[in-house]
All heavy atoms as atom14 arrays in JSON, in Angstrom:
{
  "sequence": "LMAKHKTEKYLVPLSSVHNDDIKDMLDAKKINHTECVMYRTVSNDFSD",
  "atom14_mask": [
    [1, 1, 1, 1, 1, 1, 1, 1, 0, 0, 0, 0, 0, 0],
    [1, 1, 1, 1, 1, 1, 1, 1, 0, 0, 0, 0, 0, 0],
    [1, 1, 1, 1, 1, 0, 0, 0, 0, 0, 0, 0, 0, 0],
    [1, 1, 1, 1, 1, 1, 1, 1, 1, 0, 0, 0, 0, 0],
    [1, 1, 1, 1, 1, 1, 1, 1, 1, 1, 0, 0, 0, 0],
    [1, 1, 1, 1, 1, 1, 1, 1, 1, 0, 0, 0, 0, 0],
    [1, 1, 1, 1, 1, 1, 1, 0, 0, 0, 0, 0, 0, 0],
    [1, 1, 1, 1, 1, 1, 1, 1, 1, 0, 0, 0, 0, 0],
    [1, 1, 1, 1, 1, 1, 1, 1, 1, 0, 0, 0, 0, 0],
    [1, 1, 1, 1, 1, 1, 1, 1, 1, 1, 1, 1, 0, 0],
    [1, 1, 1, 1, 1, 1, 1, 1, 0, 0, 0, 0, 0, 0],
    [1, 1, 1, 1, 1, 1, 1, 0, 0, 0, 0, 0, 0, 0],
    [1, 1, 1, 1, 1, 1, 1, 0, 0, 0, 0, 0, 0, 0],
    [1, 1, 1, 1, 1, 1, 1, 1, 0, 0, 0, 0, 0, 0],
    [1, 1, 1, 1, 1, 1, 0, 0, 0, 0, 0, 0, 0, 0],
    [1, 1, 1, 1, 1, 1, 0, 0, 0, 0, 0, 0, 0, 0],
    [1, 1, 1, 1, 1, 1, 1, 0, 0, 0, 0, 0, 0, 0],
    [1, 1, 1, 1, 1, 1, 1, 1, 1, 1, 0, 0, 0, 0],
    [1, 1, 1, 1, 1, 1, 1, 1, 0, 0, 0, 0, 0, 0],
    [1, 1, 1, 1, 1, 1, 1, 1, 0, 0, 0, 0, 0, 0],
    [1, 1, 1, 1, 1, 1, 1, 1, 0, 0, 0, 0, 0, 0],
    [1, 1, 1, 1, 1, 1, 1, 1, 0, 0, 0, 0, 0, 0],
    [1, 1, 1, 1, 1, 1, 1, 1, 1, 0, 0, 0, 0, 0],
    [1, 1, 1, 1, 1, 1, 1, 1, 0, 0, 0, 0, 0, 0],
    [1, 1, 1, 1, 1, 1, 1, 1, 0, 0, 0, 0, 0, 0],
    [1, 1, 1, 1, 1, 1, 1, 1, 0, 0, 0, 0, 0, 0],
    [1, 1, 1, 1, 1, 1, 1, 1, 0, 0, 0, 0, 0, 0],
    [1, 1, 1, 1, 1, 0, 0, 0, 0, 0, 0, 0, 0, 0],
    [1, 1, 1, 1, 1, 1, 1, 1, 1, 0, 0, 0, 0, 0],
    [1, 1, 1, 1, 1, 1, 1, 1, 1, 0, 0, 0, 0, 0],
    [1, 1, 1, 1, 1, 1, 1, 1, 0, 0, 0, 0, 0, 0],
    [1, 1, 1, 1, 1, 1, 1, 1, 0, 0, 0, 0, 0, 0],
    [1, 1, 1, 1, 1, 1, 1, 1, 1, 1, 0, 0, 0, 0],
    [1, 1, 1, 1, 1, 1, 1, 0, 0, 0, 0, 0, 0, 0],
    [1, 1, 1, 1, 1, 1, 1, 1, 1, 0, 0, 0, 0, 0],
    [1, 1, 1, 1, 1, 1, 0, 0, 0, 0, 0, 0, 0, 0],
    [1, 1, 1, 1, 1, 1, 1, 0, 0, 0, 0, 0, 0, 0],
    [1, 1, 1, 1, 1, 1, 1, 1, 0, 0, 0, 0, 0, 0],
    [1, 1, 1, 1, 1, 1, 1, 1, 1, 1, 1, 1, 0, 0],
    [1, 1, 1, 1, 1, 1, 1, 1, 1, 1, 1, 0, 0, 0],
    [1, 1, 1, 1, 1, 1, 1, 0, 0, 0, 0, 0, 0, 0],
    [1, 1, 1, 1, 1, 1, 1, 0, 0, 0, 0, 0, 0, 0],
    [1, 1, 1, 1, 1, 1, 0, 0, 0, 0, 0, 0, 0, 0],
    [1, 1, 1, 1, 1, 1, 1, 1, 0, 0, 0, 0, 0, 0],
    [1, 1, 1, 1, 1, 1, 1, 1, 0, 0, 0, 0, 0, 0],
    [1, 1, 1, 1, 1, 1, 1, 1, 1, 1, 1, 0, 0, 0],
    [1, 1, 1, 1, 1, 1, 0, 0, 0, 0, 0, 0, 0, 0],
    [1, 1, 1, 1, 1, 1, 1, 1, 0, 0, 0, 0, 0, 0]
  ],
  "atom14_positions": [
    [[0.84, -1.2, 0.0], [0.0, 0.0, 0.0], [0.88, 1.26, 0.0], [0.6, 2.22, -0.72], [-0.9, -0.03, 1.25], [-1.98, 1.04, 1.39], [-2.95, 1.02, 0.22], [-2.74, 0.85, 2.69], [0.0, 0.0, 0.0], [0.0, 0.0, 0.0], [0.0, 0.0, 0.0], [0.0, 0.0, 0.0], [0.0, 0.0, 0.0], [0.0, 0.0, 0.0]],
    [[1.96, 1.22, 0.76], [2.91, 2.34, 0.79], [3.6, 2.49, -0.57], [3.85, 3.6, -1.02], [3.94, 2.12, 1.89], [3.37, 2.23, 3.3], [4.55, 1.66, 4.55], [5.82, 2.91, 4.42], [0.0, 0.0, 0.0], [0.0, 0.0, 0.0], [0.0, 0.0, 0.0], [0.0, 0.0, 0.0], [0.0, 0.0, 0.0], [0.0, 0.0, 0.0]],
    [[3.89, 1.36, -1.19], [4.59, 1.38, -2.49], [3.75, 2.06, -3.56], [4.27, 2.61, -4.53], [4.94, -0.05, -2.91], [0.0, 0.0, 0.0], [0.0, 0.0, 0.0], [0.0, 0.0, 0.0], [0.0, 0.0, 0.0], [0.0, 0.0, 0.0], [0.0, 0.0, 0.0], [0.0, 0.0, 0.0], [0.0, 0.0, 0.0], [0.0, 0.0, 0.0]],
    [[2.41, 2.04, -3.39], [1.52, 2.72, -4.35], [1.65, 4.24, -4.23], [1.23, 4.97, -5.11], [0.06, 2.3, -4.09], [-0.27, 0.9, -4.56], [-1.72, 0.56, -4.26], [-2.03, -0.88, -4.63], [-3.39, -1.28, -4.22], [0.0, 0.0, 0.0], [0.0, 0.0, 0.0], [0.0, 0.0, 0.0], [0.0, 0.0, 0.0], [0.0, 0.0, 0.0]],
    [[2.18, 4.69, -3.07], [2.38, 6.13, -2.83], [3.89, 6.39, -2.76], [4.41, 6.88, -1.76], [1.7, 6.54, -1.52], [0.22, 6.33, -1.52], [-0.68, 7.35, -1.77], [-0.53, 5.22, -1.31], [-1.91, 6.86, -1.7], [-1.84, 5.58, -1.42], [0.0, 0.0, 0.0], [0.0, 0.0, 0.0], [0.0, 0.0, 0.0], [0.0, 0.0, 0.0]],
    [[4.57, 6.02, -3.83], [6.04, 6.01, -3.83], [6.67, 7.41, -3.78], [7.84, 7.55, -3.42], [6.54, 5.26, -5.06], [7.72, 4.37, -4.7], [7.97, 3.26, -5.66], [9.04, 2.35, -5.08], [9.32, 1.2, -5.9], [0.0, 0.0, 0.0], [0.0, 0.0, 0.0], [0.0, 0.0, 0.0], [0.0, 0.0, 0.0], [0.0, 0.0, 0.0]],
    [[5.89, 8.42, -4.11], [6.47, 9.78, -4.11], [6.54, 10.37, -2.69], [7.19, 11.39, -2.48], [5.63, 10.73, -5.0], [4.27, 10.7, -4.53], [5.69, 10.31, -6.46], [0.0, 0.0, 0.0], [0.0, 0.0, 0.0], [0.0, 0.0, 0.0], [0.0, 0.0, 0.0], [0.0, 0.0, 0.0], [0.0, 0.0, 0.0], [0.0, 0.0, 0.0]],
    [[5.87, 9.7, -1.75], [5.87, 10.23, -0.37], [7.23, 10.01, 0.3], [7.95, 9.06, -0.01], [4.79, 9.53, 0.48], [3.38, 9.58, -0.07], [2.8, 10.97, -0.18], [3.33, 11.91, 0.45], [1.82, 11.13, -0.93], [0.0, 0.0, 0.0], [0.0, 0.0, 0.0], [0.0, 0.0, 0.0], [0.0, 0.0, 0.0], [0.0, 0.0, 0.0]],
    [[7.53, 10.89, 1.26], [8.72, 10.71, 2.09], [8.22, 10.31, 3.47], [7.6, 11.12, 4.18], [9.53, 12.0, 2.14], [10.91, 11.8, 2.76], [11.76, 13.05, 2.71], [13.14, 12.74, 3.3], [13.93, 13.97, 3.49], [0.0, 0.0, 0.0], [0.0, 0.0, 0.0], [0.0, 0.0, 0.0], [0.0, 0.0, 0.0], [0.0, 0.0, 0.0]],
    [[8.46, 9.05, 3.84], [7.86, 8.47, 5.05], [8.73, 8.67, 6.3], [9.95, 8.49, 6.25], [7.65, 6.97, 4.86], [6.58, 6.62, 3.85], [6.9, 6.41, 2.51], [5.25, 6.5, 4.23], [5.92, 6.07, 1.58], [4.26, 6.18, 3.31], [4.61, 5.96, 1.98], [3.64, 5.63, 1.07], [0.0, 0.0, 0.0], [0.0, 0.0, 0.0]],
    [[8.06, 9.0, 7.41], [8.72, 9.03, 8.73], [8.18, 7.85, 9.52], [6.96, 7.62, 9.55], [8.41, 10.34, 9.46], [9.09, 10.52, 10.83], [10.59, 10.69, 10.67], [8.5, 11.71, 11.58], [0.0, 0.0, 0.0], [0.0, 0.0, 0.0], [0.0, 0.0, 0.0], [0.0, 0.0, 0.0], [0.0, 0.0, 0.0], [0.0, 0.0, 0.0]],
    [[9.09, 7.08, 10.15], [8.65, 5.9, 10.93], [9.07, 6.08, 12.39], [10.22, 5.8, 12.76], [9.27, 4.59, 10.36], [8.64, 3.37, 11.04], [9.1, 4.51, 8.85], [0.0, 0.0, 0.0], [0.0, 0.0, 0.0], [0.0, 0.0, 0.0], [0.0, 0.0, 0.0], [0.0, 0.0, 0.0], [0.0, 0.0, 0.0], [0.0, 0.0, 0.0]],
    [[8.16, 6.56, 13.27], [8.5, 6.69, 14.7], [8.55, 5.31, 15.36], [7.65, 4.48, 15.15], [7.33, 7.51, 15.27], [6.57, 8.03, 14.1], [6.8, 7.07, 12.99], [0.0, 0.0, 0.0], [0.0, 0.0, 0.0], [0.0, 0.0, 0.0], [0.0, 0.0, 0.0], [0.0, 0.0, 0.0], [0.0, 0.0, 0.0], [0.0, 0.0, 0.0]],
    [[9.61, 5.07, 16.16], [9.8, 3.75, 16.77], [10.14, 3.88, 18.25], [10.46, 4.96, 18.75], [10.93, 3.01, 16.05], [10.71, 2.63, 14.58], [12.01, 2.19, 13.94], [9.65, 1.55, 14.45], [0.0, 0.0, 0.0], [0.0, 0.0, 0.0], [0.0, 0.0, 0.0], [0.0, 0.0, 0.0], [0.0, 0.0, 0.0], [0.0, 0.0, 0.0]],
    [[10.12, 2.73, 18.92], [10.57, 2.65, 20.31], [12.1, 2.55, 20.31], [12.71, 2.17, 19.31], [9.98, 1.4, 20.97], [10.7, 1.07, 22.12], [0.0, 0.0, 0.0], [0.0, 0.0, 0.0], [0.0, 0.0, 0.0], [0.0, 0.0, 0.0], [0.0, 0.0, 0.0], [0.0, 0.0, 0.0], [0.0, 0.0, 0.0], [0.0, 0.0, 0.0]],
    [[12.71, 2.86, 21.45], [14.18, 2.74, 21.56], [14.61, 1.28, 21.38], [15.73, 1.0, 20.98], [14.65, 3.27, 22.91], [13.98, 2.57, 23.95], [0.0, 0.0, 0.0], [0.0, 0.0, 0.0], [0.0, 0.0, 0.0], [0.0, 0.0, 0.0], [0.0, 0.0, 0.0], [0.0, 0.0, 0.0], [0.0, 0.0, 0.0], [0.0, 0.0, 0.0]],
    [[13.7, 0.34, 21.68], [14.01, -1.08, 21.48], [13.25, -1.54, 20.23], [12.03, -1.66, 20.24], [13.57, -1.93, 22.7], [13.87, -3.4, 22.45], [14.27, -1.45, 23.96], [0.0, 0.0, 0.0], [0.0, 0.0, 0.0], [0.0, 0.0, 0.0], [0.0, 0.0, 0.0], [0.0, 0.0, 0.0], [0.0, 0.0, 0.0], [0.0, 0.0, 0.0]],
    [[13.97, -1.72, 19.14], [13.34, -2.18, 17.9], [14.38, -2.91, 17.04], [15.57, -2.78, 17.27], [12.76, -1.0, 17.11], [13.79, -0.01, 16.65], [14.16, 1.06, 17.41], [14.54, 0.04, 15.52], [15.1, 1.75, 16.77], [15.35, 1.15, 15.61], [0.0, 0.0, 0.0], [0.0, 0.0, 0.0], [0.0, 0.0, 0.0], [0.0, 0.0, 0.0]],
    [[13.89, -3.68, 16.1], [14.82, -4.35, 15.16], [14.76, -3.63, 13.81], [14.08, -2.62, 13.66], [14.49, -5.84, 15.04], [13.05, -6.08, 14.63], [12.46, -5.3, 13.87], [12.45, -7.16, 15.11], [0.0, 0.0, 0.0], [0.0, 0.0, 0.0], [0.0, 0.0, 0.0], [0.0, 0.0, 0.0], [0.0, 0.0, 0.0], [0.0, 0.0, 0.0]],
    [[15.47, -4.17, 12.82], [15.54, -3.51, 11.5], [14.53, -4.07, 10.5], [14.65, -3.82, 9.29], [16.96, -3.66, 10.92], [17.95, -2.75, 11.64], [17.5, -1.72, 12.19], [19.15, -3.07, 11.66], [0.0, 0.0, 0.0], [0.0, 0.0, 0.0], [0.0, 0.0, 0.0], [0.0, 0.0, 0.0], [0.0, 0.0, 0.0], [0.0, 0.0, 0.0]],
    [[13.53, -4.81, 10.98], [12.57, -5.45, 10.07], [11.89, -4.44, 9.15], [11.8, -4.65, 7.93], [11.51, -6.22, 10.85], [12.08, -7.48, 11.51], [13.28, -7.74, 11.31], [11.34, -8.19, 12.22], [0.0, 0.0, 0.0], [0.0, 0.0, 0.0], [0.0, 0.0, 0.0], [0.0, 0.0, 0.0], [0.0, 0.0, 0.0], [0.0, 0.0, 0.0]],
    [[11.38, -3.35, 9.74], [10.66, -2.35, 8.93], [11.61, -1.69, 7.94], [11.3, -1.56, 6.76], [9.99, -1.29, 9.84], [8.94, -1.96, 10.73], [9.34, -0.18, 9.0], [8.3, -1.05, 11.76], [0.0, 0.0, 0.0], [0.0, 0.0, 0.0], [0.0, 0.0, 0.0], [0.0, 0.0, 0.0], [0.0, 0.0, 0.0], [0.0, 0.0, 0.0]],
    [[12.79, -1.3, 8.43], [13.8, -0.67, 7.57], [14.13, -1.57, 6.37], [14.14, -1.12, 5.22], [15.07, -0.4, 8.39], [16.18, 0.28, 7.6], [17.42, 0.43, 8.46], [18.51, 1.2, 7.74], [18.92, 0.61, 6.46], [0.0, 0.0, 0.0], [0.0, 0.0, 0.0], [0.0, 0.0, 0.0], [0.0, 0.0, 0.0], [0.0, 0.0, 0.0]],
    [[14.37, -2.84, 6.66], [14.73, -3.78, 5.59], [13.61, -3.94, 4.55], [13.87, -4.0, 3.35], [15.09, -5.15, 6.18], [16.35, -5.09, 7.04], [17.1, -4.1, 6.93], [16.57, -6.02, 7.86], [0.0, 0.0, 0.0], [0.0, 0.0, 0.0], [0.0, 0.0, 0.0], [0.0, 0.0, 0.0], [0.0, 0.0, 0.0], [0.0, 0.0, 0.0]],
    [[12.36, -4.0, 5.04], [11.22, -4.15, 4.13], [11.07, -2.93, 3.22], [10.83, -3.07, 2.02], [9.93, -4.33, 4.94], [9.67, -5.74, 5.41], [8.08, -5.8, 6.26], [8.6, -6.33, 7.88], [0.0, 0.0, 0.0], [0.0, 0.0, 0.0], [0.0, 0.0, 0.0], [0.0, 0.0, 0.0], [0.0, 0.0, 0.0], [0.0, 0.0, 0.0]],
    [[11.21, -1.74, 3.81], [11.04, -0.5, 3.02], [12.22, -0.28, 2.08], [12.04, 0.19, 0.96], [10.84, 0.69, 3.96], [9.63, 0.62, 4.9], [9.47, 1.91, 5.69], [8.34, 0.33, 4.13], [0.0, 0.0, 0.0], [0.0, 0.0, 0.0], [0.0, 0.0, 0.0], [0.0, 0.0, 0.0], [0.0, 0.0, 0.0], [0.0, 0.0, 0.0]],
    [[13.41, -0.65, 2.54], [14.6, -0.56, 1.67], [14.45, -1.46, 0.45], [14.78, -1.08, -0.67], [15.87, -0.96, 2.44], [16.37, 0.16, 3.36], [15.88, 1.3, 3.21], [17.22, -0.12, 4.22], [0.0, 0.0, 0.0], [0.0, 0.0, 0.0], [0.0, 0.0, 0.0], [0.0, 0.0, 0.0], [0.0, 0.0, 0.0], [0.0, 0.0, 0.0]],
    [[13.93, -2.67, 0.7], [13.76, -3.66, -0.38], [12.83, -3.13, -1.48], [13.0, -3.42, -2.66], [13.24, -4.97, 0.18], [0.0, 0.0, 0.0], [0.0, 0.0, 0.0], [0.0, 0.0, 0.0], [0.0, 0.0, 0.0], [0.0, 0.0, 0.0], [0.0, 0.0, 0.0], [0.0, 0.0, 0.0], [0.0, 0.0, 0.0], [0.0, 0.0, 0.0]],
    [[11.84, -2.34, -1.08], [10.87, -1.78, -2.04], [11.29, -0.39, -2.54], [10.54, 0.27, -3.25], [9.48, -1.69, -1.4], [8.83, -3.04, -1.14], [8.3, -3.64, -2.43], [7.62, -4.98, -2.16], [7.24, -5.66, -3.39], [0.0, 0.0, 0.0], [0.0, 0.0, 0.0], [0.0, 0.0, 0.0], [0.0, 0.0, 0.0], [0.0, 0.0, 0.0]],
    [[12.5, 0.04, -2.08], [13.04, 1.36, -2.46], [12.07, 2.5, -2.1], [11.84, 3.43, -2.88], [13.4, 1.4, -3.95], [14.54, 0.46, -4.31], [14.97, 0.62, -5.75], [16.28, -0.1, -6.04], [16.29, -1.54, -5.73], [0.0, 0.0, 0.0], [0.0, 0.0, 0.0], [0.0, 0.0, 0.0], [0.0, 0.0, 0.0], [0.0, 0.0, 0.0]],
    [[11.49, 2.39, -0.91], [10.57, 3.42, -0.4], [11.38, 4.43, 0.4], [12.14, 4.06, 1.3], [9.44, 2.78, 0.45], [8.52, 1.94, -0.45], [8.64, 3.85, 1.2], [7.53, 1.07, 0.29], [0.0, 0.0, 0.0], [0.0, 0.0, 0.0], [0.0, 0.0, 0.0], [0.0, 0.0, 0.0], [0.0, 0.0, 0.0], [0.0, 0.0, 0.0]],
    [[11.23, 5.7, 0.09], [11.96, 6.78, 0.75], [11.45, 6.94, 2.18], [10.29, 7.3, 2.4], [11.76, 8.07, -0.06], [12.64, 9.2, 0.46], [13.31, 9.09, 1.46], [12.61, 10.32, -0.26], [0.0, 0.0, 0.0], [0.0, 0.0, 0.0], [0.0, 0.0, 0.0], [0.0, 0.0, 0.0], [0.0, 0.0, 0.0], [0.0, 0.0, 0.0]],
    [[12.3, 6.68, 3.17], [11.83, 6.72, 4.55], [12.96, 7.04, 5.53], [14.14, 6.89, 5.22], [11.2, 5.37, 4.93], [12.22, 4.27, 4.99], [12.71, 3.66, 3.87], [12.85, 3.69, 6.05], [13.6, 2.74, 4.23], [13.7, 2.75, 5.54], [0.0, 0.0, 0.0], [0.0, 0.0, 0.0], [0.0, 0.0, 0.0], [0.0, 0.0, 0.0]],
    [[12.55, 7.48, 6.72], [13.49, 7.75, 7.82], [12.92, 7.14, 9.09], [11.76, 7.4, 9.43], [13.63, 9.28, 8.06], [13.89, 9.92, 6.82], [14.72, 9.6, 9.05], [0.0, 0.0, 0.0], [0.0, 0.0, 0.0], [0.0, 0.0, 0.0], [0.0, 0.0, 0.0], [0.0, 0.0, 0.0], [0.0, 0.0, 0.0], [0.0, 0.0, 0.0]],
    [[13.71, 6.33, 9.78], [13.27, 5.85, 11.1], [13.76, 6.81, 12.17], [14.84, 7.41, 12.01], [13.85, 4.46, 11.43], [13.33, 3.34, 10.57], [14.25, 3.09, 9.4], [15.43, 3.41, 9.49], [13.76, 2.6, 8.38], [0.0, 0.0, 0.0], [0.0, 0.0, 0.0], [0.0, 0.0, 0.0], [0.0, 0.0, 0.0], [0.0, 0.0, 0.0]],
    [[13.01, 6.95, 13.23], [13.46, 7.76, 14.35], [12.88, 7.2, 15.65], [11.82, 6.57, 15.64], [13.03, 9.22, 14.17], [11.26, 9.43, 14.13], [0.0, 0.0, 0.0], [0.0, 0.0, 0.0], [0.0, 0.0, 0.0], [0.0, 0.0, 0.0], [0.0, 0.0, 0.0], [0.0, 0.0, 0.0], [0.0, 0.0, 0.0], [0.0, 0.0, 0.0]],
    [[13.59, 7.42, 16.74], [13.11, 6.97, 18.05], [12.32, 8.11, 18.68], [12.81, 9.24, 18.76], [14.29, 6.54, 18.95], [13.81, 6.27, 20.38], [14.97, 5.31, 18.39], [0.0, 0.0, 0.0], [0.0, 0.0, 0.0], [0.0, 0.0, 0.0], [0.0, 0.0, 0.0], [0.0, 0.0, 0.0], [0.0, 0.0, 0.0], [0.0, 0.0, 0.0]],
    [[11.09, 7.82, 19.11], [10.25, 8.85, 19.75], [9.84, 8.48, 21.18], [9.35, 9.32, 21.92], [9.0, 9.13, 18.92], [9.27, 9.97, 17.69], [7.73, 10.59, 16.96], [8.39, 11.64, 15.67], [0.0, 0.0, 0.0], [0.0, 0.0, 0.0], [0.0, 0.0, 0.0], [0.0, 0.0, 0.0], [0.0, 0.0, 0.0], [0.0, 0.0, 0.0]],
    [[10.04, 7.2, 21.56], [9.64, 6.78, 22.91], [10.47, 5.58, 23.35], [11.14, 4.94, 22.54], [8.14, 6.46, 22.97], [7.67, 5.45, 21.94], [7.47, 4.11, 22.26], [7.4, 5.85, 20.62], [7.03, 3.2, 21.33], [6.96, 4.94, 19.67], [6.77, 3.61, 20.03], [6.33, 2.71, 19.09], [0.0, 0.0, 0.0], [0.0, 0.0, 0.0]],
    [[10.43, 5.28, 24.63], [11.19, 4.14, 25.17], [10.36, 3.44, 26.25], [9.46, 4.05, 26.83], [12.52, 4.61, 25.75], [12.36, 5.65, 26.83], [13.69, 6.09, 27.45], [13.51, 7.4, 28.06], [14.06, 8.53, 27.62], [14.88, 8.51, 26.58], [13.81, 9.67, 28.22], [0.0, 0.0, 0.0], [0.0, 0.0, 0.0], [0.0, 0.0, 0.0]],
    [[10.67, 2.19, 26.49], [10.0, 1.45, 27.56], [10.92, 1.37, 28.77], [12.11, 1.1, 28.62], [9.61, 0.02, 27.1], [10.77, -0.61, 26.55], [8.53, 0.05, 26.06], [0.0, 0.0, 0.0], [0.0, 0.0, 0.0], [0.0, 0.0, 0.0], [0.0, 0.0, 0.0], [0.0, 0.0, 0.0], [0.0, 0.0, 0.0], [0.0, 0.0, 0.0]],
    [[10.35, 1.64, 29.94], [11.12, 1.57, 31.18], [10.37, 0.7, 32.17], [9.14, 0.61, 32.14], [11.4, 2.97, 31.78], [12.31, 3.78, 30.89], [10.1, 3.72, 32.05], [0.0, 0.0, 0.0], [0.0, 0.0, 0.0], [0.0, 0.0, 0.0], [0.0, 0.0, 0.0], [0.0, 0.0, 0.0], [0.0, 0.0, 0.0], [0.0, 0.0, 0.0]],
    [[11.1, 0.08, 33.07], [10.49, -0.8, 34.07], [9.56, 0.0, 34.98], [9.91, 1.08, 35.44], [11.59, -1.48, 34.89], [11.01, -2.32, 35.87], [0.0, 0.0, 0.0], [0.0, 0.0, 0.0], [0.0, 0.0, 0.0], [0.0, 0.0, 0.0], [0.0, 0.0, 0.0], [0.0, 0.0, 0.0], [0.0, 0.0, 0.0], [0.0, 0.0, 0.0]],
    [[8.36, -0.52, 35.19], [7.38, 0.11, 36.07], [7.54, -0.54, 37.45], [6.88, -1.52, 37.76], [5.97, -0.12, 35.49], [4.91, 0.7, 36.17], [5.19, 1.55, 37.01], [3.67, 0.45, 35.82], [0.0, 0.0, 0.0], [0.0, 0.0, 0.0], [0.0, 0.0, 0.0], [0.0, 0.0, 0.0], [0.0, 0.0, 0.0], [0.0, 0.0, 0.0]],
    [[8.46, 0.0, 38.24], [8.89, -0.68, 39.46], [7.77, -0.91, 40.48], [6.89, -0.07, 40.66], [10.03, 0.1, 40.12], [11.3, 0.06, 39.25], [11.39, -0.84, 38.4], [12.16, 0.92, 39.42], [0.0, 0.0, 0.0], [0.0, 0.0, 0.0], [0.0, 0.0, 0.0], [0.0, 0.0, 0.0], [0.0, 0.0, 0.0], [0.0, 0.0, 0.0]],
    [[7.85, -2.05, 41.15], [6.89, -2.42, 42.18], [7.27, -1.73, 43.5], [8.44, -1.64, 43.84], [6.9, -3.94, 42.39], [6.14, -4.71, 41.34], [6.55, -4.71, 40.02], [5.02, -5.45, 41.68], [5.86, -5.42, 39.04], [4.32, -6.17, 40.73], [4.74, -6.15, 39.41], [0.0, 0.0, 0.0], [0.0, 0.0, 0.0], [0.0, 0.0, 0.0]],
    [[6.25, -1.3, 44.23], [6.51, -0.71, 45.56], [6.8, -1.83, 46.55], [6.54, -3.02, 46.27], [5.27, 0.07, 46.02], [4.18, -0.83, 46.22], [0.0, 0.0, 0.0], [0.0, 0.0, 0.0], [0.0, 0.0, 0.0], [0.0, 0.0, 0.0], [0.0, 0.0, 0.0], [0.0, 0.0, 0.0], [0.0, 0.0, 0.0], [0.0, 0.0, 0.0]],
    [[7.3, -1.49, 47.72], [7.59, -2.5, 48.76], [6.31, -3.24, 49.15], [6.33, -4.45, 49.4], [8.21, -1.83, 50.0], [9.63, -1.32, 49.7], [10.23, -1.81, 48.72], [10.12, -0.44, 50.43], [0.0, 0.0, 0.0], [0.0, 0.0, 0.0], [0.0, 0.0, 0.0], [0.0, 0.0, 0.0], [0.0, 0.0, 0.0], [0.0, 0.0, 0.0]]
  ]
}
């Protein structure tokens, strides 16, 4: 579906913990895109 809109410049917001799956898929289709980190997961500590 993204490939049908090939003229777009895509931004892909990600978590600090991510793999390259999305990057590899978009690269393979030569889709113009930029990944960036916008959020992270942190431990939600238990009280005593």
